[in-house]
């Protein structure tokens, strides 16, 4: 099955933007702005709840809305929350970072070829 599997990259890219998998990244972003993680977590919870109630996602939130939640949020938030940038920041063993995923895929391919 894996050998014949095809990945619909367009669908994948659309789907990953239609969830809240980048919510932790938003909290991490706030921490880079010297906001304590507990406070950042609370802010993100409010933003995510607002998104759910209004039917949109974190990349759709207007900057003015972000800034209503905390004034230190800048326009760079949109770049920070892009899925590919979120993955690039996760560079540890077993993480979702590109190099780690590549290593895991190589191991899986070896196991499957046996």
PDB file of N, CA and C in Angstrom:
ATOM      1  N   UNK A   1       0.825  -1.190   0.000  1.00  0.00           N
ATOM      2  CA  UNK A   1       0.000   0.000   0.000  1.00  0.00           C
ATOM      3  C   UNK A   1       0.868   1.253   0.000  1.00  0.00           C
ATOM      4  N   UNK A   2       1.889   1.296   0.836  1.00  0.00           N
ATOM      5  CA  UNK A   2       2.743   2.477   0.915  1.00  0.00           C
ATOM      6  C   UNK A   2       3.484   2.692  -0.395  1.00  0.00           C
ATOM      7  N   UNK A   3       3.877   1.606  -1.061  1.00  0.00           N
ATOM      8  CA  UNK A   3       4.612   1.721  -2.314  1.00  0.00           C
ATOM      9  C   UNK A   3       3.771   2.349  -3.413  1.00  0.00           C
ATOM     10  N   UNK A   4       2.471   2.195  -3.363  1.00  0.00           N
ATOM     11  CA  UNK A   4       1.602   2.753  -4.399  1.00  0.00           C
ATOM     12  C   UNK A   4       0.870   4.014  -3.942  1.00  0.00           C
ATOM     13  N   UNK A   5       1.126   4.432  -2.736  1.00  0.00           N
ATOM     14  CA  UNK A   5       0.453   5.603  -2.182  1.00  0.00           C
ATOM     15  C   UNK A   5       0.903   6.878  -2.900  1.00  0.00           C
ATOM     16  N   UNK A   6      -0.031   7.754  -3.164  1.00  0.00           N
ATOM     17  CA  UNK A   6       0.307   9.073  -3.692  1.00  0.00           C
ATOM     18  C   UNK A   6      -0.200  10.115  -2.711  1.00  0.00           C
ATOM     19  N   UNK A   7       0.541  11.179  -2.601  1.00  0.00           N
ATOM     20  CA  UNK A   7       0.193  12.247  -1.662  1.00  0.00           C
ATOM     21  C   UNK A   7      -0.333  13.433  -2.447  1.00  0.00           C
ATOM     22  N   UNK A   8      -1.500  13.885  -2.086  1.00  0.00           N
ATOM     23  CA  UNK A   8      -2.099  15.059  -2.704  1.00  0.00           C
ATOM     24  C   UNK A   8      -1.596  16.280  -1.932  1.00  0.00           C
ATOM     25  N   UNK A   9      -0.497  16.866  -2.411  1.00  0.00           N
ATOM     26  CA  UNK A   9       0.146  17.968  -1.691  1.00  0.00           C
ATOM     27  C   UNK A   9      -0.758  19.183  -1.557  1.00  0.00           C
ATOM     28  N   UNK A  10      -1.547  19.449  -2.585  1.00  0.00           N
ATOM     29  CA  UNK A  10      -2.462  20.589  -2.524  1.00  0.00           C
ATOM     30  C   UNK A  10      -3.472  20.408  -1.390  1.00  0.00           C
ATOM     31  N   UNK A  11      -4.042  19.218  -1.311  1.00  0.00           N
ATOM     32  CA  UNK A  11      -5.016  18.923  -0.249  1.00  0.00           C
ATOM     33  C   UNK A  11      -4.353  18.967   1.124  1.00  0.00           C
ATOM     34  N   UNK A  12      -3.136  18.420   1.200  1.00  0.00           N
ATOM     35  CA  UNK A  12      -2.386  18.429   2.453  1.00  0.00           C
ATOM     36  C   UNK A  12      -2.128  19.856   2.916  1.00  0.00           C
ATOM     37  N   UNK A  13      -1.669  20.706   1.993  1.00  0.00           N
ATOM     38  CA  UNK A  13      -1.388  22.101   2.343  1.00  0.00           C
ATOM     39  C   UNK A  13      -2.643  22.843   2.780  1.00  0.00           C
ATOM     40  N   UNK A  14      -3.771  22.537   2.152  1.00  0.00           N
ATOM     41  CA  UNK A  14      -5.026  23.179   2.540  1.00  0.00           C
ATOM     42  C   UNK A  14      -5.488  22.685   3.912  1.00  0.00           C
ATOM     43  N   UNK A  15      -5.428  21.389   4.114  1.00  0.00           N
ATOM     44  CA  UNK A  15      -5.904  20.787   5.360  1.00  0.00           C
ATOM     45  C   UNK A  15      -5.114  21.270   6.563  1.00  0.00           C
ATOM     46  N   UNK A  16      -3.803  21.390   6.403  1.00  0.00           N
ATOM     47  CA  UNK A  16      -2.973  21.770   7.549  1.00  0.00           C
ATOM     48  C   UNK A  16      -3.238  23.212   7.991  1.00  0.00           C
ATOM     49  N   UNK A  17      -3.800  24.007   7.110  1.00  0.00           N
ATOM     50  CA  UNK A  17      -4.134  25.386   7.468  1.00  0.00           C
ATOM     51  C   UNK A  17      -5.536  25.490   8.058  1.00  0.00           C
ATOM     52  N   UNK A  18      -6.262  24.382   8.050  1.00  0.00           N
ATOM     53  CA  UNK A  18      -7.636  24.373   8.542  1.00  0.00           C
ATOM     54  C   UNK A  18      -7.757  23.595   9.849  1.00  0.00           C
ATOM     55  N   UNK A  19      -6.820  23.850  10.740  1.00  0.00           N
ATOM     56  CA  UNK A  19      -6.886  23.267  12.076  1.00  0.00           C
ATOM     57  C   UNK A  19      -6.126  24.189  13.029  1.00  0.00           C
ATOM     58  N   UNK A  20      -5.940  23.738  14.227  1.00  0.00           N
ATOM     59  CA  UNK A  20      -5.256  24.568  15.222  1.00  0.00           C
ATOM     60  C   UNK A  20      -3.953  23.927  15.676  1.00  0.00           C
ATOM     61  N   UNK A  21      -3.334  23.168  14.771  1.00  0.00           N
ATOM     62  CA  UNK A  21      -2.066  22.521  15.115  1.00  0.00           C
ATOM     63  C   UNK A  21      -0.954  23.535  15.345  1.00  0.00           C
ATOM     64  N   UNK A  22      -1.154  24.772  14.927  1.00  0.00           N
ATOM     65  CA  UNK A  22      -0.151  25.810  15.147  1.00  0.00           C
ATOM     66  C   UNK A  22      -0.452  26.665  16.388  1.00  0.00           C
ATOM     67  N   UNK A  23      -1.394  26.248  17.204  1.00  0.00           N
ATOM     68  CA  UNK A  23      -1.736  27.014  18.407  1.00  0.00           C
ATOM     69  C   UNK A  23      -0.571  27.058  19.397  1.00  0.00           C
ATOM     70  N   UNK A  24       0.140  25.954  19.544  1.00  0.00           N
ATOM     71  CA  UNK A  24       1.306  25.947  20.433  1.00  0.00           C
ATOM     72  C   UNK A  24       2.374  26.895  19.911  1.00  0.00           C
ATOM     73  N   UNK A  25       2.486  26.981  18.590  1.00  0.00           N
ATOM     74  CA  UNK A  25       3.443  27.913  17.986  1.00  0.00           C
ATOM     75  C   UNK A  25       3.077  29.354  18.334  1.00  0.00           C
ATOM     76  N   UNK A  26       1.787  29.641  18.370  1.00  0.00           N
ATOM     77  CA  UNK A  26       1.347  30.983  18.746  1.00  0.00           C
ATOM     78  C   UNK A  26       1.761  31.280  20.186  1.00  0.00           C
ATOM     79  N   UNK A  27       1.604  30.309  21.061  1.00  0.00           N
ATOM     80  CA  UNK A  27       2.046  30.493  22.451  1.00  0.00           C
ATOM     81  C   UNK A  27       3.556  30.694  22.510  1.00  0.00           C
ATOM     82  N   UNK A  28       4.297  29.899  21.739  1.00  0.00           N
ATOM     83  CA  UNK A  28       5.758  30.054  21.703  1.00  0.00           C
ATOM     84  C   UNK A  28       6.150  31.431  21.173  1.00  0.00           C
ATOM     85  N   UNK A  29       5.419  31.909  20.179  1.00  0.00           N
ATOM     86  CA  UNK A  29       5.660  33.249  19.628  1.00  0.00           C
ATOM     87  C   UNK A  29       5.510  34.299  20.729  1.00  0.00           C
ATOM     88  N   UNK A  30       4.449  34.178  21.507  1.00  0.00           N
ATOM     89  CA  UNK A  30       4.218  35.139  22.588  1.00  0.00           C
ATOM     90  C   UNK A  30       5.334  35.076  23.626  1.00  0.00           C
ATOM     91  N   UNK A  31       5.840  33.886  23.881  1.00  0.00           N
ATOM     92  CA  UNK A  31       6.957  33.741  24.818  1.00  0.00           C
ATOM     93  C   UNK A  31       8.185  34.477  24.287  1.00  0.00           C
ATOM     94  N   UNK A  32       8.391  34.458  22.957  1.00  0.00           N
ATOM     95  CA  UNK A  32       9.529  35.202  22.388  1.00  0.00           C
ATOM     96  C   UNK A  32       9.359  36.702  22.574  1.00  0.00           C
ATOM     97  N   UNK A  33       8.141  37.121  22.871  1.00  0.00           N
ATOM     98  CA  UNK A  33       7.851  38.537  23.140  1.00  0.00           C
ATOM     99  C   UNK A  33       7.877  38.825  24.645  1.00  0.00           C
ATOM    100  N   UNK A  34       8.514  37.926  25.397  1.00  0.00           N
ATOM    101  CA  UNK A  34       8.679  38.059  26.855  1.00  0.00           C
ATOM    102  C   UNK A  34       7.371  37.973  27.636  1.00  0.00           C
ATOM    103  N   UNK A  35       6.442  37.209  27.111  1.00  0.00           N
ATOM    104  CA  UNK A  35       5.190  36.956  27.816  1.00  0.00           C
ATOM    105  C   UNK A  35       5.333  35.590  28.488  1.00  0.00           C
ATOM    106  N   UNK A  36       5.048  35.491  29.782  1.00  0.00           N
ATOM    107  CA  UNK A  36       5.147  34.190  30.462  1.00  0.00           C
ATOM    108  C   UNK A  36       4.268  33.146  29.769  1.00  0.00           C
ATOM    109  N   UNK A  37       4.744  31.897  29.727  1.00  0.00           N
ATOM    110  CA  UNK A  37       4.019  30.862  28.993  1.00  0.00           C
ATOM    111  C   UNK A  37       2.596  30.689  29.511  1.00  0.00           C
ATOM    112  N   UNK A  38       2.399  30.756  30.792  1.00  0.00           N
ATOM    113  CA  UNK A  38       1.046  30.590  31.346  1.00  0.00           C
ATOM    114  C   UNK A  38       0.101  31.663  30.791  1.00  0.00           C
ATOM    115  N   UNK A  39       0.584  32.891  30.725  1.00  0.00           N
ATOM    116  CA  UNK A  39      -0.212  33.988  30.168  1.00  0.00           C
ATOM    117  C   UNK A  39      -0.423  33.774  28.676  1.00  0.00           C
ATOM    118  N   UNK A  40       0.644  33.366  27.982  1.00  0.00           N
ATOM    119  CA  UNK A  40       0.555  33.104  26.542  1.00  0.00           C
ATOM    120  C   UNK A  40      -0.481  32.016  26.263  1.00  0.00           C
ATOM    121  N   UNK A  41      -0.468  30.977  27.069  1.00  0.00           N
ATOM    122  CA  UNK A  41      -1.418  29.870  26.913  1.00  0.00           C
ATOM    123  C   UNK A  41      -2.850  30.374  27.082  1.00  0.00           C
ATOM    124  N   UNK A  42      -3.062  31.227  28.042  1.00  0.00           N
ATOM    125  CA  UNK A  42      -4.395  31.791  28.278  1.00  0.00           C
ATOM    126  C   UNK A  42      -4.842  32.643  27.086  1.00  0.00           C
ATOM    127  N   UNK A  43      -3.941  33.466  26.569  1.00  0.00           N
ATOM    128  CA  UNK A  43      -4.248  34.313  25.412  1.00  0.00           C
ATOM    129  C   UNK A  43      -4.607  33.451  24.208  1.00  0.00           C
ATOM    130  N   UNK A  44      -3.800  32.430  23.962  1.00  0.00           N
ATOM    131  CA  UNK A  44      -4.043  31.545  22.818  1.00  0.00           C
ATOM    132  C   UNK A  44      -5.387  30.842  22.968  1.00  0.00           C
ATOM    133  N   UNK A  45      -5.712  30.407  24.168  1.00  0.00           N
ATOM    134  CA  UNK A  45      -7.006  29.771  24.398  1.00  0.00           C
ATOM    135  C   UNK A  45      -8.160  30.680  24.014  1.00  0.00           C
ATOM    136  N   UNK A  46      -8.053  31.948  24.363  1.00  0.00           N
ATOM    137  CA  UNK A  46      -9.105  32.913  24.017  1.00  0.00           C
ATOM    138  C   UNK A  46      -9.180  33.125  22.509  1.00  0.00           C
ATOM    139  N   UNK A  47      -8.016  33.212  21.863  1.00  0.00           N
ATOM    140  CA  UNK A  47      -7.989  33.417  20.410  1.00  0.00           C
ATOM    141  C   UNK A  47      -8.575  32.205  19.690  1.00  0.00           C
ATOM    142  N   UNK A  48      -8.181  31.007  20.106  1.00  0.00           N
ATOM    143  CA  UNK A  48      -8.700  29.787  19.474  1.00  0.00           C
ATOM    144  C   UNK A  48     -10.211  29.682  19.676  1.00  0.00           C
ATOM    145  N   UNK A  49     -10.691  29.964  20.867  1.00  0.00           N
ATOM    146  CA  UNK A  49     -12.135  29.928  21.121  1.00  0.00           C
ATOM    147  C   UNK A  49     -12.862  30.908  20.200  1.00  0.00           C
ATOM    148  N   UNK A  50     -12.315  32.101  20.069  1.00  0.00           N
ATOM    149  CA  UNK A  50     -12.906  33.108  19.186  1.00  0.00           C
ATOM    150  C   UNK A  50     -12.920  32.601  17.734  1.00  0.00           C
ATOM    151  N   UNK A  51     -11.838  31.973  17.322  1.00  0.00           N
ATOM    152  CA  UNK A  51     -11.771  31.416  15.962  1.00  0.00           C
ATOM    153  C   UNK A  51     -12.852  30.361  15.755  1.00  0.00           C
ATOM    154  N   UNK A  52     -12.993  29.471  16.708  1.00  0.00           N
ATOM    155  CA  UNK A  52     -13.998  28.407  16.603  1.00  0.00           C
ATOM    156  C   UNK A  52     -15.395  29.011  16.517  1.00  0.00           C
ATOM    157  N   UNK A  53     -15.661  29.990  17.355  1.00  0.00           N
ATOM    158  CA  UNK A  53     -16.980  30.623  17.369  1.00  0.00           C
ATOM    159  C   UNK A  53     -17.279  31.354  16.062  1.00  0.00           C
ATOM    160  N   UNK A  54     -16.219  31.892  15.430  1.00  0.00           N
ATOM    161  CA  UNK A  54     -16.410  32.673  14.203  1.00  0.00           C
ATOM    162  C   UNK A  54     -16.123  31.872  12.933  1.00  0.00           C
ATOM    163  N   UNK A  55     -15.691  30.621  13.102  1.00  0.00           N
ATOM    164  CA  UNK A  55     -15.483  29.759  11.947  1.00  0.00           C
ATOM    165  C   UNK A  55     -14.251  30.063  11.121  1.00  0.00           C
ATOM    166  N   UNK A  56     -13.169  30.479  11.782  1.00  0.00           N
ATOM    167  CA  UNK A  56     -11.927  30.664  11.039  1.00  0.00           C
ATOM    168  C   UNK A  56     -10.746  30.120  11.824  1.00  0.00           C
ATOM    169  N   UNK A  57      -9.551  30.251  11.242  1.00  0.00           N
ATOM    170  CA  UNK A  57      -8.341  29.646  11.801  1.00  0.00           C
ATOM    171  C   UNK A  57      -7.303  30.713  12.097  1.00  0.00           C
ATOM    172  N   UNK A  58      -6.233  30.329  12.761  1.00  0.00           N
ATOM    173  CA  UNK A  58      -5.244  31.296  13.242  1.00  0.00           C
ATOM    174  C   UNK A  58      -4.615  32.129  12.133  1.00  0.00           C
ATOM    175  N   UNK A  59      -4.416  31.554  10.963  1.00  0.00           N
ATOM    176  CA  UNK A  59      -3.833  32.325   9.863  1.00  0.00           C
ATOM    177  C   UNK A  59      -4.821  33.316   9.255  1.00  0.00           C
ATOM    178  N   UNK A  60      -6.108  33.199   9.617  1.00  0.00           N
ATOM    179  CA  UNK A  60      -7.144  34.092   9.095  1.00  0.00           C
ATOM    180  C   UNK A  60      -7.439  35.272  10.023  1.00  0.00           C
ATOM    181  N   UNK A  61      -6.907  35.236  11.224  1.00  0.00           N
ATOM    182  CA  UNK A  61      -7.220  36.272  12.216  1.00  0.00           C
ATOM    183  C   UNK A  61      -6.587  37.597  11.782  1.00  0.00           C
ATOM    184  N   UNK A  62      -7.364  38.667  11.711  1.00  0.00           N
ATOM    185  CA  UNK A  62      -6.791  39.968  11.357  1.00  0.00           C
ATOM    186  C   UNK A  62      -5.790  40.432  12.429  1.00  0.00           C
ATOM    187  N   UNK A  63      -4.775  41.146  11.996  1.00  0.00           N
ATOM    188  CA  UNK A  63      -3.752  41.627  12.923  1.00  0.00           C
ATOM    189  C   UNK A  63      -4.370  42.454  14.046  1.00  0.00           C
ATOM    190  N   UNK A  64      -5.339  43.284  13.718  1.00  0.00           N
ATOM    191  CA  UNK A  64      -5.982  44.113  14.745  1.00  0.00           C
ATOM    192  C   UNK A  64      -6.622  43.245  15.833  1.00  0.00           C
ATOM    193  N   UNK A  65      -7.180  42.121  15.446  1.00  0.00           N
ATOM    194  CA  UNK A  65      -7.783  41.209  16.423  1.00  0.00           C
ATOM    195  C   UNK A  65      -6.709  40.599  17.304  1.00  0.00           C
ATOM    196  N   UNK A  66      -5.610  40.153  16.679  1.00  0.00           N
ATOM    197  CA  UNK A  66      -4.492  39.637  17.476  1.00  0.00           C
ATOM    198  C   UNK A  66      -4.042  40.692  18.483  1.00  0.00           C
ATOM    199  N   UNK A  67      -3.921  41.917  18.017  1.00  0.00           N
ATOM    200  CA  UNK A  67      -3.408  42.982  18.879  1.00  0.00           C
ATOM    201  C   UNK A  67      -4.391  43.366  19.975  1.00  0.00           C
ATOM    202  N   UNK A  68      -5.670  43.069  19.798  1.00  0.00           N
ATOM    203  CA  UNK A  68      -6.635  43.269  20.881  1.00  0.00           C
ATOM    204  C   UNK A  68      -6.354  42.305  22.026  1.00  0.00           C
ATOM    205  N   UNK A  69      -5.812  41.149  21.685  1.00  0.00           N
ATOM    206  CA  UNK A  69      -5.483  40.149  22.706  1.00  0.00           C
ATOM    207  C   UNK A  69      -4.146  40.440  23.365  1.00  0.00           C
ATOM    208  N   UNK A  70      -3.191  40.972  22.578  1.00  0.00           N
ATOM    209  CA  UNK A  70      -1.912  41.408  23.157  1.00  0.00           C
ATOM    210  C   UNK A  70      -1.212  42.341  22.179  1.00  0.00           C
ATOM    211  N   UNK A  71      -0.806  43.479  22.675  1.00  0.00           N
ATOM    212  CA  UNK A  71      -0.220  44.519  21.818  1.00  0.00           C
ATOM    213  C   UNK A  71       1.140  44.155  21.234  1.00  0.00           C
ATOM    214  N   UNK A  72       1.792  43.152  21.759  1.00  0.00           N
ATOM    215  CA  UNK A  72       3.120  42.797  21.245  1.00  0.00           C
ATOM    216  C   UNK A  72       3.064  41.917  19.993  1.00  0.00           C
ATOM    217  N   UNK A  73       1.877  41.516  19.588  1.00  0.00           N
ATOM    218  CA  UNK A  73       1.757  40.695  18.381  1.00  0.00           C
ATOM    219  C   UNK A  73       1.896  41.605  17.167  1.00  0.00           C
ATOM    220  N   UNK A  74       2.858  41.256  16.308  1.00  0.00           N
ATOM    221  CA  UNK A  74       3.152  42.044  15.110  1.00  0.00           C
ATOM    222  C   UNK A  74       2.744  41.279  13.856  1.00  0.00           C
ATOM    223  N   UNK A  75       2.909  41.917  12.709  1.00  0.00           N
ATOM    224  CA  UNK A  75       2.563  41.302  11.423  1.00  0.00           C
ATOM    225  C   UNK A  75       3.393  40.050  11.139  1.00  0.00           C
ATOM    226  N   UNK A  76       4.531  39.912  11.815  1.00  0.00           N
ATOM    227  CA  UNK A  76       5.362  38.718  11.595  1.00  0.00           C
ATOM    228  C   UNK A  76       4.701  37.443  12.124  1.00  0.00           C
ATOM    229  N   UNK A  77       3.574  37.577  12.803  1.00  0.00           N
ATOM    230  CA  UNK A  77       2.874  36.410  13.322  1.00  0.00           C
ATOM    231  C   UNK A  77       2.443  35.470  12.197  1.00  0.00           C
ATOM    232  N   UNK A  78       2.079  36.036  11.051  1.00  0.00           N
ATOM    233  CA  UNK A  78       1.593  35.207   9.944  1.00  0.00           C
ATOM    234  C   UNK A  78       2.704  34.327   9.377  1.00  0.00           C
ATOM    235  N   UNK A  79       3.900  34.872   9.270  1.00  0.00           N
ATOM    236  CA  UNK A  79       5.044  34.078   8.822  1.00  0.00           C
ATOM    237  C   UNK A  79       5.382  33.028   9.875  1.00  0.00           C
ATOM    238  N   UNK A  80       5.329  33.421  11.136  1.00  0.00           N
ATOM    239  CA  UNK A  80       5.656  32.517  12.240  1.00  0.00           C
ATOM    240  C   UNK A  80       4.722  31.312  12.273  1.00  0.00           C
ATOM    241  N   UNK A  81       3.458  31.521  11.928  1.00  0.00           N
ATOM    242  CA  UNK A  81       2.454  30.456  12.017  1.00  0.00           C
ATOM    243  C   UNK A  81       2.321  29.610  10.755  1.00  0.00           C
ATOM    244  N   UNK A  82       3.064  29.946   9.703  1.00  0.00           N
ATOM    245  CA  UNK A  82       3.013  29.124   8.491  1.00  0.00           C
ATOM    246  C   UNK A  82       3.467  27.704   8.824  1.00  0.00           C
ATOM    247  N   UNK A  83       2.737  26.701   8.375  1.00  0.00           N
ATOM    248  CA  UNK A  83       3.070  25.319   8.731  1.00  0.00           C
ATOM    249  C   UNK A  83       4.521  24.934   8.459  1.00  0.00           C
ATOM    250  N   UNK A  84       5.064  25.344   7.320  1.00  0.00           N
ATOM    251  CA  UNK A  84       6.443  24.971   7.007  1.00  0.00           C
ATOM    252  C   UNK A  84       7.434  25.592   7.994  1.00  0.00           C
ATOM    253  N   UNK A  85       7.128  26.790   8.483  1.00  0.00           N
ATOM    254  CA  UNK A  85       8.003  27.424   9.473  1.00  0.00           C
ATOM    255  C   UNK A  85       7.852  26.773  10.845  1.00  0.00           C
ATOM    256  N   UNK A  86       6.642  26.352  11.160  1.00  0.00           N
ATOM    257  CA  UNK A  86       6.431  25.630  12.424  1.00  0.00           C
ATOM    258  C   UNK A  86       7.275  24.356  12.438  1.00  0.00           C
ATOM    259  N   UNK A  87       7.274  23.639  11.330  1.00  0.00           N
ATOM    260  CA  UNK A  87       8.043  22.398  11.251  1.00  0.00           C
ATOM    261  C   UNK A  87       9.541  22.654  11.347  1.00  0.00           C
ATOM    262  N   UNK A  88      10.001  23.709  10.705  1.00  0.00           N
ATOM    263  CA  UNK A  88      11.436  24.017  10.723  1.00  0.00           C
ATOM    264  C   UNK A  88      11.937  24.290  12.139  1.00  0.00           C
ATOM    265  N   UNK A  89      11.091  24.848  12.975  1.00  0.00           N
ATOM    266  CA  UNK A  89      11.510  25.158  14.345  1.00  0.00           C
ATOM    267  C   UNK A  89      11.570  23.913  15.229  1.00  0.00           C
ATOM    268  N   UNK A  90      10.956  22.846  14.808  1.00  0.00           N
ATOM    269  CA  UNK A  90      10.917  21.608  15.606  1.00  0.00           C
ATOM    270  C   UNK A  90      12.042  20.681  15.151  1.00  0.00           C
ATOM    271  N   UNK A  91      13.242  20.925  15.624  1.00  0.00           N
ATOM    272  CA  UNK A  91      14.412  20.157  15.204  1.00  0.00           C
ATOM    273  C   UNK A  91      15.010  19.398  16.381  1.00  0.00           C
ATOM    274  N   UNK A  92      14.341  18.349  16.804  1.00  0.00           N
ATOM    275  CA  UNK A  92      14.880  17.494  17.853  1.00  0.00           C
ATOM    276  C   UNK A  92      14.571  16.043  17.494  1.00  0.00           C
ATOM    277  N   UNK A  93      15.251  15.131  18.119  1.00  0.00           N
ATOM    278  CA  UNK A  93      15.082  13.712  17.820  1.00  0.00           C
ATOM    279  C   UNK A  93      13.619  13.295  17.996  1.00  0.00           C
ATOM    280  N   UNK A  94      13.075  12.687  16.973  1.00  0.00           N
ATOM    281  CA  UNK A  94      11.699  12.210  17.039  1.00  0.00           C
ATOM    282  C   UNK A  94      10.657  13.282  16.808  1.00  0.00           C
ATOM    283  N   UNK A  95      11.099  14.485  16.459  1.00  0.00           N
ATOM    284  CA  UNK A  95      10.158  15.591  16.282  1.00  0.00           C
ATOM    285  C   UNK A  95       9.542  15.566  14.889  1.00  0.00           C
ATOM    286  N   UNK A  96       8.751  16.580  14.591  1.00  0.00           N
ATOM    287  CA  UNK A  96       8.145  16.717  13.273  1.00  0.00           C
ATOM    288  C   UNK A  96       9.003  17.551  12.337  1.00  0.00           C
ATOM    289  N   UNK A  97      10.193  17.927  12.766  1.00  0.00           N
ATOM    290  CA  UNK A  97      11.112  18.675  11.907  1.00  0.00           C
ATOM    291  C   UNK A  97      11.527  17.841  10.708  1.00  0.00           C
ATOM    292  N   UNK A  98      11.868  18.519   9.605  1.00  0.00           N
ATOM    293  CA  UNK A  98      12.176  17.820   8.354  1.00  0.00           C
ATOM    294  C   UNK A  98      13.268  16.771   8.493  1.00  0.00           C
ATOM    295  N   UNK A  99      14.362  17.118   9.134  1.00  0.00           N
ATOM    296  CA  UNK A  99      15.472  16.165   9.222  1.00  0.00           C
ATOM    297  C   UNK A  99      15.079  14.936  10.046  1.00  0.00           C
ATOM    298  N   UNK A 100      14.330  15.148  11.110  1.00  0.00           N
ATOM    299  CA  UNK A 100      13.897  14.026  11.943  1.00  0.00           C
ATOM    300  C   UNK A 100      12.910  13.133  11.194  1.00  0.00           C
ATOM    301  N   UNK A 101      11.978  13.738  10.481  1.00  0.00           N
ATOM    302  CA  UNK A 101      11.009  12.955   9.715  1.00  0.00           C
ATOM    303  C   UNK A 101      11.725  12.161   8.626  1.00  0.00           C
ATOM    304  N   UNK A 102      12.707  12.784   7.973  1.00  0.00           N
ATOM    305  CA  UNK A 102      13.477  12.079   6.942  1.00  0.00           C
ATOM    306  C   UNK A 102      14.178  10.863   7.546  1.00  0.00           C
ATOM    307  N   UNK A 103      14.780  11.033   8.710  1.00  0.00           N
ATOM    308  CA  UNK A 103      15.442   9.904   9.372  1.00  0.00           C
ATOM    309  C   UNK A 103      14.438   8.793   9.681  1.00  0.00           C
ATOM    310  N   UNK A 104      13.284   9.175  10.183  1.00  0.00           N
ATOM    311  CA  UNK A 104      12.261   8.190  10.520  1.00  0.00           C
ATOM    312  C   UNK A 104      11.758   7.462   9.271  1.00  0.00           C
ATOM    313  N   UNK A 105      11.615   8.190   8.161  1.00  0.00           N
ATOM    314  CA  UNK A 105      11.196   7.568   6.908  1.00  0.00           C
ATOM    315  C   UNK A 105      12.248   6.596   6.388  1.00  0.00           C
ATOM    316  N   UNK A 106      13.516   6.971   6.504  1.00  0.00           N
ATOM    317  CA  UNK A 106      14.599   6.081   6.074  1.00  0.00           C
ATOM    318  C   UNK A 106      14.569   4.770   6.860  1.00  0.00           C
ATOM    319  N   UNK A 107      14.368   4.869   8.160  1.00  0.00           N
ATOM    320  CA  UNK A 107      14.287   3.667   9.002  1.00  0.00           C
ATOM    321  C   UNK A 107      13.076   2.820   8.598  1.00  0.00           C
ATOM    322  N   UNK A 108      11.941   3.485   8.373  1.00  0.00           N
ATOM    323  CA  UNK A 108      10.728   2.762   7.987  1.00  0.00           C
ATOM    324  C   UNK A 108      10.922   2.051   6.646  1.00  0.00           C
ATOM    325  N   UNK A 109      11.570   2.714   5.698  1.00  0.00           N
ATOM    326  CA  UNK A 109      11.824   2.097   4.390  1.00  0.00           C
ATOM    327  C   UNK A 109      12.704   0.863   4.532  1.00  0.00           C
ATOM    328  N   UNK A 110      13.707   0.954   5.381  1.00  0.00           N
ATOM    329  CA  UNK A 110      14.584  -0.200   5.612  1.00  0.00           C
ATOM    330  C   UNK A 110      13.793  -1.371   6.193  1.00  0.00           C
ATOM    331  N   UNK A 111      12.961  -1.070   7.166  1.00  0.00           N
ATOM    332  CA  UNK A 111      12.159  -2.124   7.791  1.00  0.00           C
ATOM    333  C   UNK A 111      11.181  -2.750   6.797  1.00  0.00           C
ATOM    334  N   UNK A 112      10.586  -1.918   5.953  1.00  0.00           N
ATOM    335  CA  UNK A 112       9.610  -2.422   4.987  1.00  0.00           C
ATOM    336  C   UNK A 112      10.261  -3.250   3.885  1.00  0.00           C
ATOM    337  N   UNK A 113      11.510  -2.963   3.587  1.00  0.00           N
ATOM    338  CA  UNK A 113      12.197  -3.694   2.519  1.00  0.00           C
ATOM    339  C   UNK A 113      12.679  -5.072   2.970  1.00  0.00           C
ATOM    340  N   UNK A 114      12.607  -5.353   4.258  1.00  0.00           N
ATOM    341  CA  UNK A 114      13.078  -6.647   4.782  1.00  0.00           C
ATOM    342  C   UNK A 114      12.052  -7.736   4.604  1.00  0.00           C
TER     343      UNK A 114
END
